[in-house]
Amino acid sequence: NKILGILIFVGVIFLVFYISQTTVGTWIADWLVGWIETFQGWVGGLMESANPLLYALLVDGIIGGVGAVVGFLPLVMVMYFLIALLEDCGYMARATVVLDPIFKRVGLSGKSVIPMVIGTGCAIPGVMASRTIENDRDRKMTIMTTTFVPCGAKLPIIAMIAGAFFGNSGWVATSCYFVGIAAIICSGIILKKTKMFAGDPAPFVMELPAYHWPTVSNILRSMWERGWSFIKKAGTIILLSTIILWFLMSFGWEGGSFGMVEELNESILSKIGTAIAWIFAPLGWTKAGEGWKMAVAAVTGLIAKENVVATFGMLYGFAEVAEDGAEIWGNLAAAMTPIAAYGFLVFNLLCAPCFAAMGAIKREMNNTKWFLFAIGYQCGLAYLVSLCIYQIGTLVTGGGFGIWTVVAFAIIIGFLYLLFRPYKESGSLNVKVKGMAKAR
């Protein structure tokens, strides 16, 4: 049903997030986090007499950094299980048909729904699924916007912000999903009015499978294939990046000499973060002088989105943030206001994806200029939306009015103009096509 079908889809997606992040997923995560804590303590006890550098690297760097991410693995796996269940029973195919008219209204092909649905699991197969779109313009636009959908790697960030600032409320995760949809819709409308993407979307043709009982083997295989990519990232990219972060965080110049430092503010990482923190000041990430930590976490998220959680775990000295731990959540609450935190969340949802997904975008675009344009558009949109959320939100909640508030209103006015201006390029194209047909 074109109306009830959309409402049912909203309810189904809410249940997926509620079950994976608030009930079943959280219960399994608590058990796993307890095991990681026990293992970390056991390793730490064995290495008490070892070299302090080796002890810090293994216990704080490797186990601490990766442990902060692995604690979210149950949440991701439960979500993958539920998505696989919906796909195997035939529901997801119908959801794409229900959403097809909406996508056509914003200038995207109905086939764009499939990559974006797949992208809820992982952005990489979602980007690769765009190959089924024949129209080159539609395919490029789909590649650019598919990563706006929250993938499994972004779930740890969503859960962290929801727990630290919003009492683990389920609406945070649900709103993130629809922020992604809104970004796709608005981007489709705006980009379709440019010369690069003008033209009618390709037709949507799809065979609907009959509703049937899902097969356990198919569900488990789909869950494992998607979950394995998360595990591989935790064991390779995230492991390497956490070791690098540990080095940058543990070493610096103190007392005129280079070596291990006791104060985090004296570390190399602190100096790098401080140098770039001003860029994110209009986004409200500078409360209590902790802006450099927010900046570092956002930048490491470009390596892998799960790195955001691992970075905070290392910066605040806690290996696990999956439990209701008041320690790290309290530190985050002291560093940002709830409005700034939600802007931080939206920034990480909309900005360029992880390095692996960037590589997939580069391969599918097969053009360096298009690749750079896609990454620049994603990062620019994320920054502007986050800025508007913080500045307008702070004003509405009783905050001050300043130059950046004026900039935020100017951004919104410019955005509305781009959104509602007429289709000049598409209109001229249609006139030419009709004229040619009449002449023939």
Protein backbone atom coordinates (compact mmCIF):
# COMPACT_ATOMS: atom_id res chain seq x y z
CA ASN A 1 0.00 0.00 0.00
CA LYS A 2 1.46 3.35 -1.03
CA ILE A 3 0.54 4.99 2.30
CA LEU A 4 0.27 2.22 4.90
CA GLY A 5 3.31 0.52 3.39
CA ILE A 6 5.51 3.50 4.28
CA LEU A 7 4.12 3.65 7.83
CA ILE A 8 4.69 -0.08 8.26
CA PHE A 9 8.25 0.36 6.97
CA VAL A 10 8.87 3.08 9.59
CA GLY A 11 7.59 0.76 12.32
CA VAL A 12 9.65 -2.18 11.10
CA ILE A 13 12.87 -0.14 11.00
CA PHE A 14 12.16 1.20 14.50
CA LEU A 15 11.75 -2.37 15.80
CA VAL A 16 15.03 -3.41 14.15
CA PHE A 17 16.92 -0.64 15.94
CA TYR A 18 15.03 -1.14 19.22
CA ILE A 19 15.73 -4.86 19.38
CA SER A 20 19.37 -4.59 18.25
CA GLN A 21 20.36 -1.62 20.42
CA THR A 22 18.07 -1.59 23.44
CA THR A 23 17.11 -5.17 24.29
CA VAL A 24 18.70 -8.30 22.84
CA GLY A 25 21.84 -6.65 21.41
CA THR A 26 22.55 -4.75 24.64
CA TRP A 27 22.13 -7.88 26.79
CA ILE A 28 24.68 -9.82 24.73
CA ALA A 29 27.00 -6.79 24.61
CA ASP A 30 27.03 -6.51 28.41
CA TRP A 31 28.13 -10.13 28.67
CA LEU A 32 30.87 -9.66 26.06
CA VAL A 33 32.15 -6.45 27.65
CA GLY A 34 32.42 -8.23 31.01
CA TRP A 35 34.50 -10.95 29.36
CA ILE A 36 36.78 -8.36 27.73
CA GLU A 37 37.29 -6.62 31.06
CA THR A 38 38.23 -9.93 32.68
CA PHE A 39 40.64 -10.75 29.85
CA GLN A 40 42.22 -7.30 30.03
CA GLY A 41 42.72 -7.62 33.76
CA TRP A 42 44.22 -11.10 33.34
CA VAL A 43 46.70 -9.90 30.69
CA GLY A 44 47.51 -6.85 32.78
CA GLY A 45 48.26 -9.08 35.80
CA LEU A 46 50.60 -11.26 33.76
CA MET A 47 52.52 -8.26 32.42
CA GLU A 48 52.83 -6.20 35.60
CA SER A 49 56.56 -6.85 35.71
CA ALA A 50 57.05 -6.45 31.96
CA ASN A 51 58.45 -3.43 30.17
CA PRO A 52 56.13 -0.43 30.83
CA LEU A 53 56.12 0.43 27.12
CA LEU A 54 55.08 -3.10 26.12
CA TYR A 55 52.46 -3.18 28.87
CA ALA A 56 50.92 0.11 27.74
CA LEU A 57 50.94 -0.96 24.08
CA LEU A 58 49.26 -4.32 24.66
CA VAL A 59 46.83 -3.53 27.50
CA ASP A 60 45.90 0.09 26.81
CA GLY A 61 46.59 0.32 23.07
CA ILE A 62 45.57 -2.98 21.48
CA ILE A 63 43.12 -4.57 23.94
CA GLY A 64 41.72 -1.23 25.06
CA GLY A 65 41.23 0.22 21.59
CA VAL A 66 39.85 -2.86 19.86
CA GLY A 67 37.85 -3.83 22.95
CA ALA A 68 35.94 -0.56 22.77
CA VAL A 69 34.72 -1.57 19.29
CA VAL A 70 34.23 -5.31 19.81
CA GLY A 71 31.83 -4.48 22.63
CA PHE A 72 29.43 -3.24 19.93
CA LEU A 73 29.73 -6.40 17.81
CA PRO A 74 26.55 -7.99 19.28
CA LEU A 75 24.53 -4.88 18.42
CA VAL A 76 25.77 -5.03 14.84
CA MET A 77 25.25 -8.79 14.48
CA VAL A 78 21.69 -8.63 15.85
CA MET A 79 20.88 -5.84 13.38
CA TYR A 80 22.38 -7.87 10.51
CA PHE A 81 20.29 -10.87 11.59
CA LEU A 82 17.07 -8.86 11.54
CA ILE A 83 17.86 -7.26 8.16
CA ALA A 84 18.64 -10.71 6.72
CA LEU A 85 15.32 -11.98 8.12
CA LEU A 86 13.41 -9.19 6.36
CA GLU A 87 15.28 -9.79 3.11
CA ASP A 88 14.83 -13.56 3.07
CA CYS A 89 11.08 -13.55 3.78
CA GLY A 90 10.45 -11.16 0.85
CA TYR A 91 9.61 -8.00 2.79
CA MET A 92 12.57 -5.86 1.75
CA ALA A 93 11.75 -6.29 -1.94
CA ARG A 94 8.27 -4.90 -1.27
CA ALA A 95 9.72 -2.05 0.78
CA THR A 96 11.76 -0.98 -2.25
CA VAL A 97 8.61 -0.97 -4.40
CA VAL A 98 6.76 1.14 -1.83
CA LEU A 99 9.63 3.64 -1.72
CA ASP A 100 10.09 3.74 -5.51
CA PRO A 101 7.59 6.59 -6.17
CA ILE A 102 9.32 8.73 -3.54
CA PHE A 103 12.72 8.23 -5.14
CA LYS A 104 11.34 9.07 -8.59
CA ARG A 105 9.98 12.36 -7.24
CA VAL A 106 13.46 13.40 -6.13
CA GLY A 107 15.09 12.48 -9.42
CA LEU A 108 16.60 9.14 -8.42
CA SER A 109 16.00 5.81 -10.10
CA GLY A 110 13.80 3.31 -8.31
CA LYS A 111 16.76 0.96 -8.51
CA SER A 112 18.59 3.31 -6.16
CA VAL A 113 16.50 1.87 -3.34
CA ILE A 114 18.33 -1.46 -3.51
CA PRO A 115 21.87 -0.11 -2.91
CA MET A 116 20.58 2.04 -0.06
CA VAL A 117 18.78 -0.87 1.60
CA ILE A 118 21.94 -2.97 1.27
CA GLY A 119 23.89 0.01 2.63
CA THR A 120 22.12 -0.37 5.99
CA GLY A 121 24.40 -3.35 6.52
CA CYS A 122 27.61 -2.03 4.98
CA ALA A 123 28.34 0.88 2.66
CA ILE A 124 30.78 -1.13 0.51
CA PRO A 125 28.29 -3.66 -0.98
CA GLY A 126 25.74 -0.84 -1.12
CA VAL A 127 28.03 1.22 -3.36
CA MET A 128 28.86 -1.83 -5.47
CA ALA A 129 25.16 -2.63 -5.92
CA SER A 130 24.80 0.62 -7.89
CA ARG A 131 26.22 -1.26 -10.90
CA THR A 132 22.70 -2.46 -11.70
CA ILE A 133 21.67 1.13 -12.60
CA GLU A 134 22.11 1.63 -16.35
CA ASN A 135 21.82 5.43 -16.40
CA ASP A 136 25.25 6.92 -15.66
CA ARG A 137 23.89 10.06 -13.98
CA ASP A 138 21.59 8.08 -11.71
CA ARG A 139 24.39 5.66 -10.86
CA LYS A 140 26.80 8.44 -9.86
CA MET A 141 24.15 10.18 -7.74
CA THR A 142 23.28 6.89 -6.05
CA ILE A 143 26.95 6.27 -5.23
CA MET A 144 27.24 9.76 -3.72
CA THR A 145 24.16 9.41 -1.52
CA THR A 146 24.12 5.72 -0.54
CA THR A 147 26.56 6.26 2.34
CA PHE A 148 24.11 8.69 4.00
CA VAL A 149 22.18 5.64 5.21
CA PRO A 150 23.48 4.57 8.65
CA CYS A 151 25.48 1.38 8.16
CA GLY A 152 26.44 -1.17 10.80
CA ALA A 153 29.76 0.60 11.43
CA LYS A 154 27.90 3.75 12.52
CA LEU A 155 25.81 1.93 15.11
CA PRO A 156 28.53 2.22 17.81
CA ILE A 157 28.55 6.02 17.39
CA ILE A 158 24.75 6.17 17.56
CA ALA A 159 24.65 3.99 20.68
CA MET A 160 27.41 6.00 22.35
CA ILE A 161 25.74 9.39 21.82
CA ALA A 162 22.29 8.00 22.70
CA GLY A 163 23.61 6.58 25.96
CA ALA A 164 25.77 9.55 26.97
CA PHE A 165 23.30 12.34 26.23
CA PHE A 166 19.78 11.00 25.65
CA GLY A 167 19.24 8.24 28.21
CA ASN A 168 19.64 5.44 25.64
CA SER A 169 16.46 6.60 23.94
CA GLY A 170 15.37 4.64 20.88
CA TRP A 171 14.32 7.80 19.01
CA VAL A 172 17.99 8.77 18.52
CA ALA A 173 18.76 5.74 16.36
CA THR A 174 15.48 6.04 14.49
CA SER A 175 16.02 9.75 13.81
CA CYS A 176 19.50 8.99 12.45
CA TYR A 177 18.01 6.62 9.89
CA PHE A 178 15.55 9.26 8.72
CA VAL A 179 18.18 12.00 8.75
CA GLY A 180 20.00 9.81 6.22
CA ILE A 181 16.84 9.44 4.13
CA ALA A 182 16.24 13.20 4.27
CA ALA A 183 19.83 13.84 3.13
CA ILE A 184 19.30 11.47 0.19
CA ILE A 185 16.01 13.09 -0.81
CA CYS A 186 17.29 16.66 -0.53
CA SER A 187 20.55 15.80 -2.30
CA GLY A 188 18.62 14.13 -5.10
CA ILE A 189 16.41 17.19 -5.62
CA ILE A 190 19.30 19.68 -5.48
CA LEU A 191 21.75 17.70 -7.62
CA LYS A 192 19.10 16.85 -10.22
CA LYS A 193 18.67 20.58 -10.86
CA THR A 194 22.31 20.95 -11.84
CA LYS A 195 23.69 20.50 -15.35
CA MET A 196 25.74 17.46 -14.30
CA PHE A 197 22.73 15.38 -13.23
CA ALA A 198 19.86 16.77 -15.33
CA GLY A 199 17.57 14.26 -17.02
CA ASP A 200 14.77 11.81 -16.26
CA PRO A 201 15.49 8.84 -13.96
CA ALA A 202 15.68 5.35 -15.40
CA PRO A 203 12.54 3.15 -15.07
CA PHE A 204 12.29 0.70 -12.16
CA VAL A 205 11.60 -2.95 -13.02
CA MET A 206 11.67 -5.64 -10.33
CA GLU A 207 10.21 -9.11 -9.83
CA LEU A 208 8.61 -9.52 -6.39
CA PRO A 209 9.31 -12.85 -4.69
CA ALA A 210 6.39 -14.55 -2.96
CA TYR A 211 6.21 -14.21 0.80
CA HIS A 212 7.73 -17.31 2.41
CA TRP A 213 9.21 -18.55 5.64
CA PRO A 214 12.86 -17.51 5.84
CA THR A 215 15.57 -20.15 5.78
CA VAL A 216 17.76 -20.31 8.86
CA SER A 217 20.86 -21.14 6.82
CA ASN A 218 20.34 -18.15 4.50
CA ILE A 219 19.83 -15.76 7.43
CA LEU A 220 22.89 -17.00 9.33
CA ARG A 221 25.03 -16.91 6.18
CA SER A 222 23.97 -13.34 5.35
CA MET A 223 24.52 -12.24 8.97
CA TRP A 224 27.97 -13.84 9.06
CA GLU A 225 29.10 -12.39 5.71
CA ARG A 226 28.21 -8.86 6.79
CA GLY A 227 29.45 -9.33 10.33
CA TRP A 228 32.73 -10.80 9.12
CA SER A 229 33.55 -7.56 7.33
CA PHE A 230 33.08 -5.75 10.66
CA ILE A 231 35.33 -8.28 12.43
CA LYS A 232 38.01 -7.99 9.74
CA LYS A 233 38.03 -4.23 10.14
CA ALA A 234 38.37 -4.63 13.91
CA GLY A 235 41.32 -6.98 13.38
CA THR A 236 43.14 -5.00 10.68
CA ILE A 237 42.29 -1.37 9.99
CA ILE A 238 41.04 -0.59 13.50
CA LEU A 239 43.88 -2.49 15.16
CA LEU A 240 46.50 -0.62 13.16
CA SER A 241 44.85 2.75 13.69
CA THR A 242 44.47 2.18 17.45
CA ILE A 243 48.18 1.37 17.71
CA ILE A 244 49.00 4.59 15.83
CA LEU A 245 46.59 6.51 18.06
CA TRP A 246 48.18 4.96 21.15
CA PHE A 247 51.63 6.09 19.96
CA LEU A 248 50.45 9.64 19.21
CA MET A 249 48.65 9.75 22.55
CA SER A 250 51.50 8.30 24.65
CA PHE A 251 54.48 10.16 23.20
CA GLY A 252 55.34 13.83 22.98
CA TRP A 253 57.71 16.55 24.06
CA GLU A 254 57.83 17.04 27.80
CA GLY A 255 60.57 18.87 29.69
CA GLY A 256 62.41 19.64 26.46
CA SER A 257 62.81 15.98 25.41
CA PHE A 258 60.81 13.51 23.34
CA GLY A 259 59.43 10.37 25.01
CA MET A 260 56.44 8.89 26.82
CA VAL A 261 54.34 11.55 28.52
CA GLU A 262 52.13 11.32 31.58
CA GLU A 263 49.90 14.25 30.67
CA LEU A 264 47.66 13.71 27.61
CA ASN A 265 47.75 17.43 26.87
CA GLU A 266 51.49 17.13 26.17
CA SER A 267 51.11 14.34 23.59
CA ILE A 268 51.56 14.53 19.82
CA LEU A 269 47.86 13.77 19.39
CA SER A 270 46.93 16.75 21.53
CA LYS A 271 49.05 19.06 19.40
CA ILE A 272 47.52 17.74 16.16
CA GLY A 273 44.00 17.97 17.56
CA THR A 274 44.56 21.48 18.87
CA ALA A 275 45.83 22.58 15.44
CA ILE A 276 42.60 21.51 13.70
CA ALA A 277 40.06 22.07 16.51
CA TRP A 278 39.29 25.61 15.33
CA ILE A 279 37.72 24.19 12.18
CA PHE A 280 35.00 22.55 14.28
CA ALA A 281 34.50 25.40 16.77
CA PRO A 282 31.27 26.64 15.03
CA LEU A 283 29.89 23.12 15.55
CA GLY A 284 30.11 23.45 19.34
CA TRP A 285 32.85 20.90 19.94
CA THR A 286 35.01 23.14 22.14
CA LYS A 287 33.26 23.03 25.52
CA ALA A 288 35.64 22.69 28.53
CA GLY A 289 38.66 22.84 26.24
CA GLU A 290 37.99 19.31 24.93
CA GLY A 291 37.46 20.32 21.30
CA TRP A 292 40.70 18.72 20.14
CA LYS A 293 39.45 15.31 21.30
CA MET A 294 36.23 15.69 19.31
CA ALA A 295 38.23 16.78 16.25
CA VAL A 296 40.62 13.81 16.53
CA ALA A 297 37.73 11.37 16.93
CA ALA A 298 35.93 12.76 13.87
CA VAL A 299 39.09 12.56 11.74
CA THR A 300 39.86 8.98 12.81
CA GLY A 301 36.30 8.13 11.81
CA LEU A 302 37.41 8.59 8.21
CA ILE A 303 39.67 5.55 8.66
CA ALA A 304 36.79 3.47 10.01
CA LYS A 305 33.60 4.75 11.62
CA GLU A 306 34.05 2.37 14.55
CA ASN A 307 37.28 4.23 15.28
CA VAL A 308 35.28 7.10 16.77
CA VAL A 309 34.31 4.93 19.72
CA ALA A 310 37.77 3.37 19.99
CA THR A 311 39.35 6.84 19.98
CA PHE A 312 37.14 8.09 22.79
CA GLY A 313 37.82 4.91 24.72
CA MET A 314 41.56 5.56 24.48
CA LEU A 315 41.41 9.33 25.05
CA TYR A 316 39.37 8.95 28.23
CA GLY A 317 41.16 5.84 29.45
CA PHE A 318 38.24 3.40 29.21
CA ALA A 319 38.35 0.26 27.08
CA GLU A 320 34.60 -0.36 26.99
CA VAL A 321 31.74 2.04 26.37
CA ALA A 322 29.04 -0.50 25.45
CA GLU A 323 27.77 -0.80 29.02
CA ASP A 324 25.95 2.00 30.80
CA GLY A 325 29.37 3.15 32.11
CA ALA A 326 28.98 6.55 33.68
CA GLU A 327 32.70 7.24 33.30
CA ILE A 328 33.07 7.86 29.58
CA TRP A 329 29.54 9.17 29.19
CA GLY A 330 30.21 11.73 31.88
CA ASN A 331 33.40 12.83 30.13
CA LEU A 332 31.54 13.25 26.85
CA ALA A 333 28.75 15.20 28.55
CA ALA A 334 31.37 17.58 29.96
CA ALA A 335 32.89 18.10 26.52
CA MET A 336 29.69 18.83 24.54
CA THR A 337 26.14 20.00 25.05
CA PRO A 338 23.38 17.56 23.96
CA ILE A 339 22.70 19.73 20.89
CA ALA A 340 26.38 19.74 19.91
CA ALA A 341 26.52 15.98 20.54
CA TYR A 342 23.62 15.36 18.18
CA GLY A 343 25.37 17.58 15.61
CA PHE A 344 28.54 15.51 16.15
CA LEU A 345 26.50 12.37 15.51
CA VAL A 346 24.94 13.77 12.33
CA PHE A 347 28.37 14.92 11.10
CA ASN A 348 29.73 11.37 11.41
CA LEU A 349 26.63 9.94 9.73
CA LEU A 350 26.77 12.19 6.66
CA CYS A 351 30.49 12.83 6.12
CA ALA A 352 32.70 10.69 3.88
CA PRO A 353 32.62 6.97 4.82
CA CYS A 354 35.52 4.79 5.91
CA PHE A 355 38.63 4.29 3.77
CA ALA A 356 37.37 0.93 2.50
CA ALA A 357 34.08 2.46 1.31
CA MET A 358 35.99 5.39 -0.23
CA GLY A 359 37.97 2.83 -2.20
CA ALA A 360 34.70 1.29 -3.44
CA ILE A 361 33.45 4.75 -4.47
CA LYS A 362 36.72 5.38 -6.33
CA ARG A 363 36.38 2.07 -8.21
CA GLU A 364 32.73 2.57 -9.12
CA MET A 365 33.19 6.21 -10.18
CA ASN A 366 36.27 5.23 -12.21
CA ASN A 367 37.17 8.92 -12.34
CA THR A 368 39.34 10.86 -9.87
CA LYS A 369 37.47 14.15 -10.33
CA TRP A 370 34.09 12.52 -9.70
CA PHE A 371 35.52 10.71 -6.67
CA LEU A 372 36.88 13.94 -5.16
CA PHE A 373 33.60 15.71 -5.90
CA ALA A 374 31.64 12.95 -4.12
CA ILE A 375 33.87 13.00 -1.02
CA GLY A 376 33.90 16.82 -0.95
CA TYR A 377 30.11 16.98 -1.24
CA GLN A 378 29.61 14.47 1.59
CA CYS A 379 32.03 16.22 3.97
CA GLY A 380 30.72 19.68 3.09
CA LEU A 381 27.09 18.68 3.60
CA ALA A 382 27.93 17.03 6.93
CA TYR A 383 29.72 20.15 8.18
CA LEU A 384 26.95 22.56 7.14
CA VAL A 385 24.14 20.43 8.60
CA SER A 386 26.01 19.97 11.88
CA LEU A 387 26.69 23.72 12.06
CA CYS A 388 23.01 24.53 11.55
CA ILE A 389 21.91 21.97 14.14
CA TYR A 390 24.18 23.46 16.80
CA GLN A 391 23.70 27.15 16.04
CA ILE A 392 19.91 27.08 15.53
CA GLY A 393 19.39 24.52 18.30
CA THR A 394 21.40 26.60 20.76
CA LEU A 395 19.44 29.72 19.84
CA VAL A 396 16.08 27.97 20.28
CA THR A 397 17.08 26.56 23.68
CA GLY A 398 18.04 29.97 25.05
CA GLY A 399 21.63 30.30 23.85
CA GLY A 400 23.28 33.43 22.49
CA PHE A 401 22.99 34.98 19.04
CA GLY A 402 26.28 35.52 17.18
CA ILE A 403 27.90 35.73 13.79
CA TRP A 404 27.74 31.95 13.32
CA THR A 405 24.01 32.04 14.00
CA VAL A 406 23.67 34.48 11.08
CA VAL A 407 25.78 32.12 8.95
CA ALA A 408 23.50 29.21 9.91
CA PHE A 409 20.38 31.13 8.82
CA ALA A 410 22.14 32.10 5.57
CA ILE A 411 22.93 28.43 4.94
CA ILE A 412 19.30 27.45 5.50
CA ILE A 413 18.06 30.19 3.14
CA GLY A 414 20.55 29.09 0.47
CA PHE A 415 19.55 25.46 0.98
CA LEU A 416 15.84 26.28 0.58
CA TYR A 417 16.58 28.22 -2.59
CA LEU A 418 18.47 25.29 -4.11
CA LEU A 419 15.73 22.92 -2.99
CA PHE A 420 12.77 24.81 -4.46
CA ARG A 421 14.23 26.53 -7.50
CA PRO A 422 12.78 25.32 -10.83
CA TYR A 423 14.32 22.52 -12.88
CA LYS A 424 15.96 24.75 -15.49
CA GLU A 425 18.36 22.17 -16.85
CA SER A 426 15.84 19.34 -16.86
CA GLY A 427 13.18 21.62 -18.37
CA SER A 428 15.35 22.70 -21.27
CA LEU A 429 16.29 19.10 -21.87
CA ASN A 430 12.65 18.01 -22.02
CA VAL A 431 11.80 20.83 -24.43
CA LYS A 432 14.58 19.71 -26.78
CA VAL A 433 13.43 16.09 -26.66
CA LYS A 434 9.79 17.05 -27.39
CA GLY A 435 10.87 19.35 -30.21
CA MET A 436 12.93 16.63 -31.86
CA ALA A 437 10.04 14.17 -31.59
CA LYS A 438 7.61 16.65 -33.18
CA ALA A 439 10.01 17.40 -36.04
CA ARG A 440 10.27 13.71 -36.82
